[in-house]
C-alpha atoms as a PDB file:
ATOM      1  CA  MET A   1      23.270   8.845  48.472  1.00  0.00           C
ATOM      2  CA  SER A   2      22.017   5.611  50.844  1.00  0.00           C
ATOM      3  CA  PRO A   3      24.315   2.601  50.598  1.00  0.00           C
ATOM      4  CA  ILE A   4      21.901   0.747  49.047  1.00  0.00           C
ATOM      5  CA  GLY A   5      21.599   3.450  45.784  1.00  0.00           C
ATOM      6  CA  VAL A   6      25.891   3.119  45.623  1.00  0.00           C
ATOM      7  CA  ALA A   7      25.348  -0.701  45.551  1.00  0.00           C
ATOM      8  CA  THR A   8      22.752  -0.474  42.982  1.00  0.00           C
ATOM      9  CA  SER A   9      24.968   1.972  40.798  1.00  0.00           C
ATOM     10  CA  CYS A  10      28.008  -0.343  40.874  1.00  0.00           C
ATOM     11  CA  ASP A  11      25.985  -3.172  40.022  1.00  0.00           C
ATOM     12  CA  ILE A  12      24.705  -1.727  37.187  1.00  0.00           C
ATOM     13  CA  LEU A  13      28.249  -0.580  36.260  1.00  0.00           C
ATOM     14  CA  TYR A  14      29.781  -4.098  36.707  1.00  0.00           C
ATOM     15  CA  LYS A  15      27.634  -5.482  34.142  1.00  0.00           C
ATOM     16  CA  THR A  16      28.682  -3.146  31.860  1.00  0.00           C
ATOM     17  CA  VAL A  17      32.143  -3.812  31.523  1.00  0.00           C
ATOM     18  CA  CYS A  18      33.806  -6.074  28.956  1.00  0.00           C
ATOM     19  CA  VAL A  19      37.454  -6.412  28.147  1.00  0.00           C
ATOM     20  CA  ALA A  20      37.734  -4.787  24.351  1.00  0.00           C
ATOM     21  CA  GLU A  21      40.708  -3.372  22.147  1.00  0.00           C
ATOM     22  CA  PHE A  22      40.273  -0.431  19.723  1.00  0.00           C
ATOM     23  CA  ALA A  23      42.963   0.646  17.317  1.00  0.00           C
ATOM     24  CA  ASP A  24      44.338   4.108  17.293  1.00  0.00           C
ATOM     25  CA  GLY A  25      41.497   6.754  16.065  1.00  0.00           C
ATOM     26  CA  GLU A  26      38.759   4.509  16.573  1.00  0.00           C
ATOM     27  CA  GLU A  27      35.763   5.605  17.748  1.00  0.00           C
ATOM     28  CA  ILE A  28      34.392   3.811  20.736  1.00  0.00           C
ATOM     29  CA  ILE A  29      31.374   5.722  21.478  1.00  0.00           C
ATOM     30  CA  ALA A  30      29.250   8.733  19.898  1.00  0.00           C
ATOM     31  CA  ILE A  31      28.073  11.745  21.049  1.00  0.00           C
ATOM     32  CA  ASP A  32      24.027  11.470  21.376  1.00  0.00           C
ATOM     33  CA  GLU A  33      23.888   7.351  21.011  1.00  0.00           C
ATOM     34  CA  PRO A  34      21.245   6.339  22.564  1.00  0.00           C
ATOM     35  CA  CYS A  35      21.960   4.137  25.840  1.00  0.00           C
ATOM     36  CA  ASP A  36      20.761   0.883  26.110  1.00  0.00           C
ATOM     37  CA  GLU A  37      21.232  -3.139  27.375  1.00  0.00           C
ATOM     38  CA  ASN A  38      24.290  -3.078  25.369  1.00  0.00           C
ATOM     39  CA  SER A  39      25.872   0.219  26.659  1.00  0.00           C
ATOM     40  CA  LYS A  40      29.412  -0.478  28.113  1.00  0.00           C
ATOM     41  CA  PHE A  41      31.142   1.458  30.553  1.00  0.00           C
ATOM     42  CA  TYR A  42      35.300   1.567  29.696  1.00  0.00           C
ATOM     43  CA  ILE A  43      38.051   1.418  32.083  1.00  0.00           C
ATOM     44  CA  ILE A  44      41.635   2.420  30.136  1.00  0.00           C
ATOM     45  CA  ASP A  45      44.139  -0.275  30.597  1.00  0.00           C
ATOM     46  CA  THR A  46      46.677   0.903  28.593  1.00  0.00           C
ATOM     47  CA  GLY A  47      46.512   4.064  26.017  1.00  0.00           C
ATOM     48  CA  GLU A  48      44.669   6.830  25.939  1.00  0.00           C
ATOM     49  CA  ALA A  49      41.582   8.140  24.840  1.00  0.00           C
ATOM     50  CA  SER A  50      40.151  11.534  23.365  1.00  0.00           C
ATOM     51  CA  VAL A  51      36.932  13.476  24.821  1.00  0.00           C
ATOM     52  CA  THR A  52      35.288  15.575  22.313  1.00  0.00           C
ATOM     53  CA  ILE A  53      31.682  17.237  22.445  1.00  0.00           C
ATOM     54  CA  ARG A  54      30.014  19.266  19.978  1.00  0.00           C
ATOM     55  CA  LYS A  55      29.687  23.502  20.787  1.00  0.00           C
ATOM     56  CA  ASP A  56      28.139  25.419  18.760  1.00  0.00           C
ATOM     57  CA  GLY A  57      27.978  23.003  16.114  1.00  0.00           C
ATOM     58  CA  VAL A  58      31.468  22.050  16.099  1.00  0.00           C
ATOM     59  CA  MET A  59      33.397  19.092  17.683  1.00  0.00           C
ATOM     60  CA  LYS A  60      36.095  20.045  20.206  1.00  0.00           C
ATOM     61  CA  GLN A  61      38.460  17.904  22.113  1.00  0.00           C
ATOM     62  CA  VAL A  62      37.827  18.520  26.098  1.00  0.00           C
ATOM     63  CA  ALA A  63      40.156  16.017  27.570  1.00  0.00           C
ATOM     64  CA  MET A  64      42.372  13.085  26.860  1.00  0.00           C
ATOM     65  CA  LEU A  65      42.013  10.178  29.274  1.00  0.00           C
ATOM     66  CA  ALA A  66      45.031   7.970  30.710  1.00  0.00           C
ATOM     67  CA  GLU A  67      45.681   4.586  31.863  1.00  0.00           C
ATOM     68  CA  GLY A  68      43.382   4.411  35.190  1.00  0.00           C
ATOM     69  CA  LYS A  69      40.863   6.582  33.955  1.00  0.00           C
ATOM     70  CA  CYS A  70      36.775   5.485  33.038  1.00  0.00           C
ATOM     71  CA  PHE A  71      34.239   6.849  30.976  1.00  0.00           C
ATOM     72  CA  GLY A  72      30.785   5.900  29.443  1.00  0.00           C
ATOM     73  CA  GLU A  73      29.354   6.112  33.191  1.00  0.00           C
ATOM     74  CA  THR A  74      26.764   8.739  33.196  1.00  0.00           C
ATOM     75  CA  ALA A  75      24.771   7.559  30.057  1.00  0.00           C
ATOM     76  CA  ILE A  76      24.172   4.216  31.785  1.00  0.00           C
ATOM     77  CA  LEU A  77      23.534   5.128  34.988  1.00  0.00           C
ATOM     78  CA  ASN A  78      21.442   8.369  34.268  1.00  0.00           C
ATOM     79  CA  ASP A  79      19.454   5.943  31.066  1.00  0.00           C
ATOM     80  CA  GLN A  80      20.465   8.695  28.903  1.00  0.00           C
ATOM     81  CA  PRO A  81      22.077   9.272  25.693  1.00  0.00           C
ATOM     82  CA  ARG A  82      25.904   9.499  25.310  1.00  0.00           C
ATOM     83  CA  ASN A  83      27.165  13.026  26.137  1.00  0.00           C
ATOM     84  CA  ALA A  84      30.816  13.346  24.190  1.00  0.00           C
ATOM     85  CA  THR A  85      32.373  10.970  21.485  1.00  0.00           C
END
């Protein structure tokens, strides 16, 4: 990817970051949720976030993200629905 492409991707993500707090167990994003101008990119400051996907019609946890990890960028950068909850 060229430096211009990288800068463009960074600009897109920068515009989608905000500070927010969530309760334990609260759903932050939902699988298949459409991506639009209100979609956000998340960086975990404190706590953890569980990542689940739908496999064979059943929701399955595939990861546990901790402090410093991020999520939500794939849908924003590719202008596609969310691929996990």
